[in-house]
């Protein structure tokens, strides 16, 4: 079994330049909590190593840098301007196309992005939205979906393996 982990970026500063918004102190603490889960063998670590796809915005790159970079969880990294939704609405289908383009079909995947498409993506890929996420997808939340071995990620229903919501 391999996995797709879908993460909403951590809390970011308000600002007029949406692309350049960086994490708040709380957002950095959320990313540190993610990192602790990546390093904990009984938590996110068990769902890697991954090929990561990260939106090119500052807040998603910072979430990646503080939460995942330099850990054994990460095998490869791709950044994408196409999944940044500051200039236009990004659909879950576009995210799936980007994931399929980098999917090695032999290891797990990670995507770090933005609301609303992270919520929409989980909604499209599960038969039933995980209970804590029915009406919201909190900042810094990670949802892990189980993907069959040797099957490229695509538009179908997957089992929810885990949900990690920051306590901060």
N, C-alpha and C. Protein backbone atom coordinates (compact mmCIF):
# COMPACT_ATOMS: atom_id res chain seq x y z
N UNK A 1 0.85 -1.18 0.00
CA UNK A 1 0.00 0.00 0.00
C UNK A 1 0.89 1.25 0.00
N UNK A 2 0.44 2.25 -0.71
CA UNK A 2 1.10 3.55 -0.66
C UNK A 2 0.05 4.59 -0.32
N UNK A 3 0.46 5.85 -0.17
CA UNK A 3 -0.44 6.84 0.40
C UNK A 3 -0.33 8.18 -0.31
N UNK A 4 -1.43 8.95 -0.23
CA UNK A 4 -1.47 10.33 -0.68
C UNK A 4 -1.81 11.17 0.55
N UNK A 5 -0.89 12.05 0.94
CA UNK A 5 -1.10 12.95 2.07
C UNK A 5 -1.43 14.33 1.52
N UNK A 6 -2.56 14.88 1.94
CA UNK A 6 -3.05 16.18 1.46
C UNK A 6 -3.01 17.16 2.63
N UNK A 7 -2.17 18.19 2.52
CA UNK A 7 -1.95 19.13 3.61
C UNK A 7 -2.38 20.54 3.21
N UNK A 8 -3.13 21.19 4.09
CA UNK A 8 -3.41 22.62 3.91
C UNK A 8 -2.27 23.37 4.59
N UNK A 9 -1.77 24.41 3.94
CA UNK A 9 -0.68 25.20 4.52
C UNK A 9 -1.04 25.67 5.92
N UNK A 10 -0.02 26.00 6.69
CA UNK A 10 -0.22 26.50 8.05
C UNK A 10 -0.63 27.97 8.02
N UNK A 11 -1.01 28.50 9.18
CA UNK A 11 -1.53 29.87 9.26
C UNK A 11 -0.53 30.90 8.74
N UNK A 12 -1.03 31.81 7.89
CA UNK A 12 -0.18 32.83 7.27
C UNK A 12 -0.62 34.23 7.66
N UNK A 13 0.33 35.15 7.56
CA UNK A 13 0.06 36.57 7.81
C UNK A 13 -0.93 37.09 6.78
N UNK A 14 -1.79 38.03 7.18
CA UNK A 14 -2.62 38.69 6.17
C UNK A 14 -1.73 39.59 5.33
N UNK A 15 -2.17 39.91 4.15
CA UNK A 15 -1.37 40.81 3.32
C UNK A 15 -2.02 41.05 1.98
N UNK A 16 -1.56 42.10 1.32
CA UNK A 16 -2.12 42.43 0.02
C UNK A 16 -1.51 41.59 -1.09
N UNK A 17 -0.26 41.16 -0.91
CA UNK A 17 0.38 40.30 -1.90
C UNK A 17 0.20 38.85 -1.45
N UNK A 18 -0.88 38.23 -1.90
CA UNK A 18 -1.24 36.89 -1.45
C UNK A 18 -0.12 35.88 -1.66
N UNK A 19 0.56 35.96 -2.78
CA UNK A 19 1.61 34.99 -3.11
C UNK A 19 2.76 35.03 -2.11
N UNK A 20 3.06 36.22 -1.58
CA UNK A 20 4.23 36.41 -0.71
C UNK A 20 3.93 36.26 0.78
N UNK A 21 2.69 35.95 1.14
CA UNK A 21 2.34 35.83 2.56
C UNK A 21 3.15 34.72 3.22
N UNK A 22 3.75 35.03 4.37
CA UNK A 22 4.54 34.05 5.12
C UNK A 22 3.76 33.59 6.36
N UNK A 23 4.28 32.59 7.02
CA UNK A 23 3.60 32.04 8.18
C UNK A 23 3.68 32.98 9.38
N UNK A 24 2.63 32.94 10.19
CA UNK A 24 2.61 33.65 11.46
C UNK A 24 3.41 32.83 12.47
N UNK A 25 3.58 33.37 13.69
CA UNK A 25 4.22 32.58 14.75
C UNK A 25 3.42 31.30 15.00
N UNK A 26 2.11 31.43 15.02
CA UNK A 26 1.25 30.26 15.22
C UNK A 26 1.43 29.27 14.06
N UNK A 27 1.52 29.78 12.84
CA UNK A 27 1.73 28.93 11.67
C UNK A 27 3.05 28.18 11.75
N UNK A 28 4.09 28.86 12.23
CA UNK A 28 5.38 28.18 12.39
C UNK A 28 5.29 27.08 13.45
N UNK A 29 4.54 27.34 14.52
CA UNK A 29 4.35 26.30 15.55
C UNK A 29 3.54 25.12 14.97
N UNK A 30 2.55 25.42 14.13
CA UNK A 30 1.79 24.34 13.46
C UNK A 30 2.73 23.50 12.60
N UNK A 31 3.63 24.16 11.87
CA UNK A 31 4.58 23.44 11.02
C UNK A 31 5.54 22.60 11.87
N UNK A 32 5.93 23.12 13.03
CA UNK A 32 6.78 22.34 13.93
C UNK A 32 6.04 21.10 14.44
N UNK A 33 4.73 21.24 14.66
CA UNK A 33 3.93 20.09 15.08
C UNK A 33 3.86 19.05 13.95
N UNK A 34 3.72 19.52 12.72
CA UNK A 34 3.75 18.60 11.57
C UNK A 34 5.09 17.87 11.55
N UNK A 35 6.18 18.61 11.71
CA UNK A 35 7.52 18.00 11.68
C UNK A 35 7.65 16.92 12.76
N UNK A 36 7.15 17.20 13.96
CA UNK A 36 7.20 16.20 15.03
C UNK A 36 6.44 14.94 14.62
N UNK A 37 5.34 15.11 13.90
CA UNK A 37 4.58 13.95 13.44
C UNK A 37 5.30 13.22 12.31
N UNK A 38 6.04 13.95 11.50
CA UNK A 38 6.83 13.33 10.43
C UNK A 38 7.98 12.53 11.03
N UNK A 39 8.52 13.01 12.12
CA UNK A 39 9.65 12.32 12.76
C UNK A 39 9.20 11.22 13.71
N UNK A 40 7.93 11.20 14.09
CA UNK A 40 7.40 10.17 14.99
C UNK A 40 7.00 8.94 14.20
N UNK A 41 7.61 7.81 14.49
CA UNK A 41 7.41 6.60 13.67
C UNK A 41 5.97 6.10 13.65
N UNK A 42 5.18 6.46 14.66
CA UNK A 42 3.80 5.97 14.69
C UNK A 42 2.81 6.99 14.13
N UNK A 43 3.32 8.06 13.53
CA UNK A 43 2.42 9.09 13.02
C UNK A 43 2.62 9.25 11.52
N UNK A 44 2.84 10.47 11.03
CA UNK A 44 2.97 10.69 9.58
C UNK A 44 4.13 9.92 8.96
N UNK A 45 5.18 9.68 9.71
CA UNK A 45 6.37 9.01 9.17
C UNK A 45 6.03 7.68 8.50
N UNK A 46 5.05 6.98 9.01
CA UNK A 46 4.71 5.66 8.46
C UNK A 46 4.12 5.72 7.06
N UNK A 47 3.78 6.92 6.58
CA UNK A 47 3.15 7.07 5.26
C UNK A 47 4.12 7.56 4.19
N UNK A 48 5.41 7.56 4.47
CA UNK A 48 6.41 7.99 3.50
C UNK A 48 7.30 6.82 3.15
N UNK A 49 8.35 7.05 2.36
CA UNK A 49 8.77 8.34 1.80
C UNK A 49 7.85 8.77 0.66
N UNK A 50 7.86 10.07 0.40
CA UNK A 50 6.94 10.64 -0.58
C UNK A 50 7.66 11.45 -1.65
N UNK A 51 6.99 11.56 -2.79
CA UNK A 51 7.30 12.59 -3.77
C UNK A 51 6.32 13.71 -3.46
N UNK A 52 6.85 14.91 -3.20
CA UNK A 52 6.02 16.03 -2.76
C UNK A 52 5.74 17.00 -3.90
N UNK A 53 4.50 17.49 -3.94
CA UNK A 53 4.08 18.55 -4.85
C UNK A 53 3.61 19.71 -3.98
N UNK A 54 4.28 20.86 -4.11
CA UNK A 54 4.01 22.00 -3.24
C UNK A 54 3.66 23.21 -4.08
N UNK A 55 2.57 23.88 -3.72
CA UNK A 55 2.22 25.14 -4.37
C UNK A 55 3.39 26.10 -4.22
N UNK A 56 3.57 26.95 -5.21
CA UNK A 56 4.73 27.85 -5.22
C UNK A 56 4.59 29.07 -4.32
N UNK A 57 3.48 29.25 -3.63
CA UNK A 57 3.32 30.42 -2.75
C UNK A 57 4.28 30.33 -1.57
N UNK A 58 4.58 31.48 -0.97
CA UNK A 58 5.52 31.53 0.15
C UNK A 58 5.03 30.70 1.33
N UNK A 59 3.74 30.76 1.65
CA UNK A 59 3.23 30.05 2.84
C UNK A 59 3.24 28.54 2.68
N UNK A 60 3.03 28.04 1.46
CA UNK A 60 3.09 26.59 1.27
C UNK A 60 4.53 26.11 1.26
N UNK A 61 5.41 26.90 0.65
CA UNK A 61 6.83 26.53 0.65
C UNK A 61 7.40 26.57 2.07
N UNK A 62 6.95 27.54 2.88
CA UNK A 62 7.42 27.62 4.26
C UNK A 62 6.85 26.47 5.10
N UNK A 63 5.60 26.11 4.87
CA UNK A 63 5.02 24.94 5.54
C UNK A 63 5.85 23.70 5.22
N UNK A 64 6.22 23.54 3.95
CA UNK A 64 7.06 22.41 3.54
C UNK A 64 8.43 22.49 4.23
N UNK A 65 9.06 23.66 4.17
CA UNK A 65 10.42 23.81 4.72
C UNK A 65 10.47 23.50 6.21
N UNK A 66 9.51 24.02 6.97
CA UNK A 66 9.52 23.82 8.42
C UNK A 66 8.94 22.47 8.83
N UNK A 67 8.02 21.93 8.04
CA UNK A 67 7.36 20.69 8.43
C UNK A 67 7.97 19.42 7.87
N UNK A 68 8.58 19.51 6.69
CA UNK A 68 8.99 18.28 6.00
C UNK A 68 10.44 18.25 5.51
N UNK A 69 10.98 19.38 5.11
CA UNK A 69 12.30 19.41 4.44
C UNK A 69 13.39 18.76 5.30
N UNK A 70 14.26 18.03 4.64
CA UNK A 70 15.40 17.42 5.32
C UNK A 70 15.07 16.18 6.13
N UNK A 71 13.86 15.67 6.03
CA UNK A 71 13.49 14.46 6.76
C UNK A 71 13.50 13.26 5.81
N UNK A 72 13.54 12.08 6.38
CA UNK A 72 13.49 10.86 5.57
C UNK A 72 12.12 10.67 4.93
N UNK A 73 11.14 11.44 5.35
CA UNK A 73 9.79 11.36 4.78
C UNK A 73 9.79 11.80 3.32
N UNK A 74 10.69 12.71 2.95
CA UNK A 74 10.72 13.29 1.61
C UNK A 74 11.74 12.57 0.74
N UNK A 75 11.28 12.11 -0.42
CA UNK A 75 12.18 11.52 -1.41
C UNK A 75 12.49 12.52 -2.51
N UNK A 76 11.47 13.22 -2.99
CA UNK A 76 11.65 14.19 -4.07
C UNK A 76 10.65 15.32 -3.90
N UNK A 77 10.98 16.48 -4.47
CA UNK A 77 10.13 17.67 -4.34
C UNK A 77 9.91 18.33 -5.68
N UNK A 78 8.66 18.70 -5.94
CA UNK A 78 8.29 19.52 -7.11
C UNK A 78 7.45 20.68 -6.59
N UNK A 79 7.72 21.89 -7.09
CA UNK A 79 6.83 23.01 -6.78
C UNK A 79 6.04 23.34 -8.04
N UNK A 80 4.85 23.91 -7.83
CA UNK A 80 3.97 24.16 -8.97
C UNK A 80 3.24 25.48 -8.82
N UNK A 81 3.36 26.32 -9.83
CA UNK A 81 2.56 27.54 -9.88
C UNK A 81 1.12 27.22 -10.26
N UNK A 82 0.90 26.09 -10.92
CA UNK A 82 -0.43 25.73 -11.39
C UNK A 82 -1.41 25.40 -10.27
N UNK A 83 -0.89 25.01 -9.09
CA UNK A 83 -1.80 24.69 -7.99
C UNK A 83 -1.90 25.82 -6.98
N UNK A 84 -1.33 26.98 -7.28
CA UNK A 84 -1.50 28.18 -6.46
C UNK A 84 -2.78 28.87 -6.92
N UNK A 85 -3.71 29.10 -6.00
CA UNK A 85 -5.01 29.64 -6.41
C UNK A 85 -5.20 31.12 -6.11
N UNK A 86 -4.15 31.88 -6.03
CA UNK A 86 -4.27 33.31 -5.76
C UNK A 86 -4.76 34.11 -6.94
N UNK A 87 -4.49 33.64 -8.15
CA UNK A 87 -4.88 34.37 -9.35
C UNK A 87 -6.14 33.80 -10.01
N UNK A 88 -6.45 32.54 -9.70
CA UNK A 88 -7.60 31.89 -10.32
C UNK A 88 -8.02 30.73 -9.42
N UNK A 89 -9.20 30.22 -9.66
CA UNK A 89 -9.67 29.08 -8.88
C UNK A 89 -9.04 27.80 -9.42
N UNK A 90 -8.40 27.05 -8.55
CA UNK A 90 -7.78 25.78 -8.92
C UNK A 90 -8.78 24.68 -8.58
N UNK A 91 -8.96 23.75 -9.50
CA UNK A 91 -9.90 22.65 -9.26
C UNK A 91 -9.14 21.41 -8.75
N UNK A 92 -9.84 20.52 -8.07
CA UNK A 92 -9.20 19.28 -7.64
C UNK A 92 -8.69 18.46 -8.83
N UNK A 93 -9.34 18.59 -9.97
CA UNK A 93 -8.93 17.83 -11.16
C UNK A 93 -7.57 18.31 -11.67
N UNK A 94 -7.33 19.62 -11.58
CA UNK A 94 -6.03 20.15 -11.98
C UNK A 94 -4.93 19.66 -11.04
N UNK A 95 -5.25 19.58 -9.76
CA UNK A 95 -4.28 19.07 -8.78
C UNK A 95 -3.99 17.60 -9.08
N UNK A 96 -5.03 16.82 -9.36
CA UNK A 96 -4.83 15.41 -9.71
C UNK A 96 -3.97 15.25 -10.96
N UNK A 97 -4.16 16.11 -11.95
CA UNK A 97 -3.32 16.07 -13.16
C UNK A 97 -1.86 16.32 -12.81
N UNK A 98 -1.62 17.31 -11.95
CA UNK A 98 -0.25 17.61 -11.52
C UNK A 98 0.35 16.45 -10.73
N UNK A 99 -0.44 15.85 -9.85
CA UNK A 99 0.03 14.70 -9.09
C UNK A 99 0.34 13.52 -10.01
N UNK A 100 -0.55 13.25 -10.96
CA UNK A 100 -0.33 12.14 -11.90
C UNK A 100 0.95 12.35 -12.70
N UNK A 101 1.26 13.60 -13.03
CA UNK A 101 2.46 13.89 -13.82
C UNK A 101 3.74 13.59 -13.06
N UNK A 102 3.71 13.65 -11.73
CA UNK A 102 4.93 13.37 -10.95
C UNK A 102 4.86 12.03 -10.22
N UNK A 103 3.74 11.32 -10.35
CA UNK A 103 3.52 10.08 -9.61
C UNK A 103 4.46 8.97 -10.08
N UNK A 104 5.39 8.54 -9.21
CA UNK A 104 6.31 7.47 -9.60
C UNK A 104 5.66 6.08 -9.54
N UNK A 105 4.46 5.97 -9.03
CA UNK A 105 3.68 4.74 -8.91
C UNK A 105 4.43 3.66 -8.12
N UNK A 106 5.36 4.06 -7.32
CA UNK A 106 6.05 3.08 -6.48
C UNK A 106 6.26 3.61 -5.07
N UNK A 107 5.95 4.88 -4.86
CA UNK A 107 6.05 5.43 -3.51
C UNK A 107 4.87 6.36 -3.28
N UNK A 108 4.80 6.85 -2.09
CA UNK A 108 3.68 7.69 -1.69
C UNK A 108 3.84 9.12 -2.19
N UNK A 109 2.75 9.89 -2.08
CA UNK A 109 2.71 11.27 -2.55
C UNK A 109 2.28 12.20 -1.43
N UNK A 110 2.73 13.45 -1.53
CA UNK A 110 2.34 14.52 -0.61
C UNK A 110 2.00 15.73 -1.46
N UNK A 111 0.91 16.41 -1.14
CA UNK A 111 0.60 17.69 -1.79
C UNK A 111 0.30 18.70 -0.69
N UNK A 112 0.90 19.89 -0.81
CA UNK A 112 0.65 20.98 0.14
C UNK A 112 0.04 22.13 -0.64
N UNK A 113 -1.16 22.53 -0.22
CA UNK A 113 -1.85 23.56 -0.98
C UNK A 113 -2.79 24.40 -0.15
N UNK A 114 -3.85 24.82 -0.82
CA UNK A 114 -4.72 25.88 -0.33
C UNK A 114 -6.18 25.45 -0.24
N UNK A 115 -6.89 26.13 0.65
CA UNK A 115 -8.34 26.03 0.70
C UNK A 115 -8.88 26.93 -0.42
N UNK A 116 -9.88 26.53 -1.18
CA UNK A 116 -10.77 25.40 -0.91
C UNK A 116 -10.37 24.10 -1.59
N UNK A 117 -9.34 24.11 -2.47
CA UNK A 117 -9.14 22.89 -3.25
C UNK A 117 -8.66 21.71 -2.44
N UNK A 118 -7.95 21.93 -1.30
CA UNK A 118 -7.56 20.76 -0.49
C UNK A 118 -8.80 20.05 0.03
N UNK A 119 -9.77 20.82 0.49
CA UNK A 119 -11.03 20.25 0.97
C UNK A 119 -11.78 19.57 -0.17
N UNK A 120 -11.85 20.23 -1.31
CA UNK A 120 -12.55 19.67 -2.47
C UNK A 120 -11.88 18.38 -2.95
N UNK A 121 -10.55 18.35 -2.91
CA UNK A 121 -9.82 17.15 -3.34
C UNK A 121 -10.14 15.96 -2.44
N UNK A 122 -10.09 16.17 -1.13
CA UNK A 122 -10.43 15.09 -0.20
C UNK A 122 -11.88 14.66 -0.41
N UNK A 123 -12.76 15.61 -0.61
CA UNK A 123 -14.17 15.30 -0.85
C UNK A 123 -14.36 14.44 -2.11
N UNK A 124 -13.63 14.76 -3.17
CA UNK A 124 -13.73 14.00 -4.42
C UNK A 124 -13.14 12.59 -4.31
N UNK A 125 -12.11 12.44 -3.46
CA UNK A 125 -11.37 11.18 -3.40
C UNK A 125 -11.83 10.23 -2.30
N UNK A 126 -12.84 10.63 -1.53
CA UNK A 126 -13.36 9.77 -0.47
C UNK A 126 -14.86 9.60 -0.64
N UNK A 127 -15.37 8.46 -0.20
CA UNK A 127 -16.82 8.25 -0.27
C UNK A 127 -17.53 9.15 0.72
N UNK A 128 -16.88 9.36 1.85
CA UNK A 128 -17.47 10.20 2.89
C UNK A 128 -16.37 11.04 3.51
N UNK A 129 -16.61 12.33 3.61
CA UNK A 129 -15.62 13.23 4.19
C UNK A 129 -15.37 12.83 5.65
N UNK A 130 -14.10 12.76 6.08
CA UNK A 130 -13.82 12.44 7.48
C UNK A 130 -14.57 13.40 8.41
N UNK A 131 -15.15 12.88 9.45
CA UNK A 131 -16.02 13.64 10.35
C UNK A 131 -15.45 15.00 10.79
N UNK A 132 -14.21 15.08 11.23
CA UNK A 132 -13.76 16.40 11.69
C UNK A 132 -13.63 17.43 10.56
N UNK A 133 -13.74 17.00 9.31
CA UNK A 133 -13.53 17.91 8.18
C UNK A 133 -14.80 18.17 7.37
N UNK A 134 -15.94 17.77 7.88
CA UNK A 134 -17.18 17.89 7.12
C UNK A 134 -17.43 19.34 6.69
N UNK A 135 -17.17 20.30 7.56
CA UNK A 135 -17.47 21.69 7.21
C UNK A 135 -16.23 22.58 7.16
N UNK A 136 -15.06 22.06 7.45
CA UNK A 136 -13.85 22.90 7.47
C UNK A 136 -12.63 22.01 7.27
N UNK A 137 -11.55 22.64 6.83
CA UNK A 137 -10.26 21.96 6.68
C UNK A 137 -9.25 22.87 7.37
N UNK A 138 -9.05 22.70 8.69
CA UNK A 138 -8.22 23.63 9.44
C UNK A 138 -6.80 23.77 8.88
N UNK A 139 -6.24 24.94 9.09
CA UNK A 139 -4.87 25.21 8.66
C UNK A 139 -3.92 24.18 9.26
N UNK A 140 -3.00 23.67 8.45
CA UNK A 140 -2.02 22.69 8.91
C UNK A 140 -2.52 21.26 8.99
N UNK A 141 -3.75 21.02 8.58
CA UNK A 141 -4.33 19.67 8.65
C UNK A 141 -3.78 18.78 7.53
N UNK A 142 -3.53 17.52 7.87
CA UNK A 142 -3.08 16.52 6.90
C UNK A 142 -4.07 15.37 6.88
N UNK A 143 -4.52 15.01 5.68
CA UNK A 143 -5.38 13.84 5.49
C UNK A 143 -4.57 12.84 4.67
N UNK A 144 -4.53 11.60 5.13
CA UNK A 144 -3.78 10.55 4.44
C UNK A 144 -4.76 9.56 3.84
N UNK A 145 -4.64 9.35 2.52
CA UNK A 145 -5.48 8.39 1.81
C UNK A 145 -4.64 7.20 1.37
N UNK A 146 -5.19 6.00 1.47
CA UNK A 146 -4.50 4.78 1.04
C UNK A 146 -4.73 4.57 -0.45
N UNK A 147 -3.64 4.42 -1.20
CA UNK A 147 -3.69 4.22 -2.65
C UNK A 147 -3.16 2.82 -2.95
N UNK A 148 -3.85 2.04 -3.77
CA UNK A 148 -3.36 0.71 -4.11
C UNK A 148 -1.97 0.77 -4.76
N UNK A 149 -1.16 -0.24 -4.48
CA UNK A 149 0.16 -0.36 -5.10
C UNK A 149 0.04 -0.40 -6.62
N UNK A 150 1.02 0.14 -7.29
CA UNK A 150 1.12 0.06 -8.76
C UNK A 150 -0.09 0.63 -9.49
N UNK A 151 -0.77 1.58 -8.87
CA UNK A 151 -1.91 2.22 -9.50
C UNK A 151 -1.70 3.73 -9.43
N UNK A 152 -1.69 4.39 -10.57
CA UNK A 152 -1.48 5.84 -10.57
C UNK A 152 -2.64 6.54 -9.87
N UNK A 153 -2.30 7.59 -9.13
CA UNK A 153 -3.33 8.37 -8.45
C UNK A 153 -4.29 8.95 -9.49
N UNK A 154 -5.57 8.91 -9.17
CA UNK A 154 -6.57 9.40 -10.12
C UNK A 154 -7.89 9.66 -9.44
N UNK A 155 -8.88 9.98 -10.22
CA UNK A 155 -10.20 10.30 -9.69
C UNK A 155 -10.97 9.01 -9.40
N UNK A 156 -10.88 8.58 -8.16
CA UNK A 156 -11.60 7.41 -7.65
C UNK A 156 -11.65 7.56 -6.14
N UNK A 157 -12.35 6.69 -5.48
CA UNK A 157 -12.46 6.78 -4.02
C UNK A 157 -11.36 5.95 -3.35
N UNK A 158 -10.76 6.56 -2.35
CA UNK A 158 -9.72 5.91 -1.56
C UNK A 158 -10.15 5.88 -0.10
N UNK A 159 -9.58 4.96 0.64
CA UNK A 159 -9.84 4.85 2.07
C UNK A 159 -9.02 5.89 2.82
N UNK A 160 -9.63 6.50 3.82
CA UNK A 160 -8.91 7.45 4.68
C UNK A 160 -8.09 6.63 5.67
N UNK A 161 -6.77 6.81 5.63
CA UNK A 161 -5.88 6.08 6.54
C UNK A 161 -5.66 6.84 7.84
N UNK A 162 -5.65 8.18 7.77
CA UNK A 162 -5.40 8.98 8.97
C UNK A 162 -5.77 10.44 8.71
N UNK A 163 -6.09 11.13 9.79
CA UNK A 163 -6.31 12.58 9.75
C UNK A 163 -5.52 13.18 10.91
N UNK A 164 -4.70 14.17 10.61
CA UNK A 164 -3.92 14.86 11.62
C UNK A 164 -4.31 16.34 11.61
N UNK A 165 -4.89 16.81 12.71
CA UNK A 165 -5.29 18.21 12.84
C UNK A 165 -4.41 18.84 13.92
N UNK A 166 -3.80 19.98 13.62
CA UNK A 166 -2.92 20.60 14.62
C UNK A 166 -3.66 20.90 15.92
N UNK A 167 -2.95 20.78 17.02
CA UNK A 167 -3.52 21.11 18.33
C UNK A 167 -3.27 22.58 18.66
N UNK A 168 -2.47 23.24 17.84
CA UNK A 168 -2.10 24.64 18.08
C UNK A 168 -3.05 25.56 17.35
